[in-house]
Amino acid sequence: MYFVISTHTKPRYYKFDGKEPIDVDTIRLTNETLNGWRSEAVIANPMQAISELYKHQIPYFSTKKEARDMAVKHELKSFKYQKIGS
């Protein structure tokens, strides 16, 4: 599943309710190192993150295209996608 997030270092999640994206502080992020390269922050516990996002009524999308279409519909100027799960 895909979520639409802000481009901040610590992602903020869009609810598409006309307000600013929100922080979900209960989602723990970690930075992984692969072959000496540091990756972007990744979610430490994906199942817990999905549960927290559900509690905050953050919408998810089955495909990246669906997420993009929603972001475009709401005229977001800058956003990223976050894939959680498979």
Protein backbone atom coordinates (compact mmCIF):
# COMPACT_ATOMS: atom_id res chain seq x y z
CA MET A 1 0.00 0.00 0.00
CA TYR A 2 1.11 3.54 -0.76
CA PHE A 3 0.75 6.71 1.28
CA VAL A 4 1.25 10.28 0.11
CA ILE A 5 3.80 12.06 2.28
CA SER A 6 5.52 15.42 2.49
CA THR A 7 9.08 15.93 1.31
CA HIS A 8 10.30 16.69 4.85
CA THR A 9 13.14 14.62 6.31
CA LYS A 10 10.65 13.16 8.79
CA PRO A 11 7.63 12.50 6.59
CA ARG A 12 4.26 14.02 7.33
CA TYR A 13 1.15 12.27 6.04
CA TYR A 14 -1.59 13.78 3.90
CA LYS A 15 -5.21 13.17 4.89
CA PHE A 16 -6.61 15.16 1.95
CA ASP A 17 -8.96 17.04 4.25
CA GLY A 18 -7.82 20.51 3.18
CA LYS A 19 -5.37 20.86 6.05
CA GLU A 20 -1.61 20.58 6.29
CA PRO A 21 -0.08 17.09 6.41
CA ILE A 22 0.25 15.66 9.91
CA ASP A 23 3.03 14.09 11.93
CA VAL A 24 2.38 10.61 13.22
CA ASP A 25 4.90 10.61 16.06
CA THR A 26 4.26 7.01 17.04
CA ILE A 27 5.85 5.70 13.83
CA ARG A 28 9.48 4.87 14.50
CA LEU A 29 11.94 5.49 11.68
CA THR A 30 15.42 4.07 11.28
CA ASN A 31 18.23 4.71 8.82
CA GLU A 32 19.69 1.61 7.24
CA THR A 33 23.17 1.39 5.84
CA LEU A 34 23.69 -0.76 2.77
CA ASN A 35 27.22 -1.28 1.41
CA GLY A 36 28.38 1.85 3.21
CA TRP A 37 25.61 4.03 1.77
CA ARG A 38 23.00 5.52 4.05
CA SER A 39 19.46 5.13 2.79
CA GLU A 40 16.45 7.32 3.45
CA ALA A 41 14.69 6.76 6.73
CA VAL A 42 12.65 3.57 6.69
CA ILE A 43 9.84 2.44 8.96
CA ALA A 44 11.12 0.20 11.73
CA ASN A 45 7.85 -1.72 12.23
CA PRO A 46 5.58 -1.67 9.14
CA MET A 47 2.58 -3.40 10.76
CA GLN A 48 2.61 -0.96 13.68
CA ALA A 49 2.88 1.95 11.23
CA ILE A 50 -0.13 0.78 9.23
CA SER A 51 -2.13 0.49 12.44
CA GLU A 52 -1.16 4.02 13.52
CA LEU A 53 -1.96 5.49 10.10
CA TYR A 54 -5.35 3.78 10.20
CA LYS A 55 -6.03 5.33 13.64
CA HIS A 56 -5.24 8.77 12.19
CA GLN A 57 -7.50 8.09 9.17
CA ILE A 58 -4.65 8.48 6.68
CA PRO A 59 -5.84 7.10 3.32
CA TYR A 60 -3.82 4.46 1.53
CA PHE A 61 -3.73 3.54 -2.12
CA SER A 62 -3.24 0.19 -3.83
CA THR A 63 -1.01 1.63 -6.54
CA LYS A 64 1.38 4.52 -6.92
CA LYS A 65 -0.80 5.82 -9.77
CA GLU A 66 -3.84 6.02 -7.48
CA ALA A 67 -1.77 7.94 -4.91
CA ARG A 68 -0.45 10.30 -7.58
CA ASP A 69 -3.94 10.91 -8.98
CA MET A 70 -5.19 11.90 -5.52
CA ALA A 71 -2.22 14.23 -4.95
CA VAL A 72 -2.77 15.88 -8.35
CA LYS A 73 -6.51 16.18 -7.71
CA HIS A 74 -5.74 18.07 -4.50
CA GLU A 75 -3.15 20.22 -6.28
CA LEU A 76 -0.21 19.23 -4.09
CA LYS A 77 2.95 20.91 -5.39
CA SER A 78 5.51 18.65 -3.72
CA PHE A 79 4.96 15.18 -2.34
CA LYS A 80 6.47 11.72 -2.23
CA TYR A 81 5.13 8.21 -1.93
CA GLN A 82 5.80 5.87 0.93
CA LYS A 83 5.26 2.18 0.33
CA ILE A 84 4.48 0.11 3.40
CA GLY A 85 4.09 -3.63 3.18
CA SER A 86 4.14 -5.66 0.00
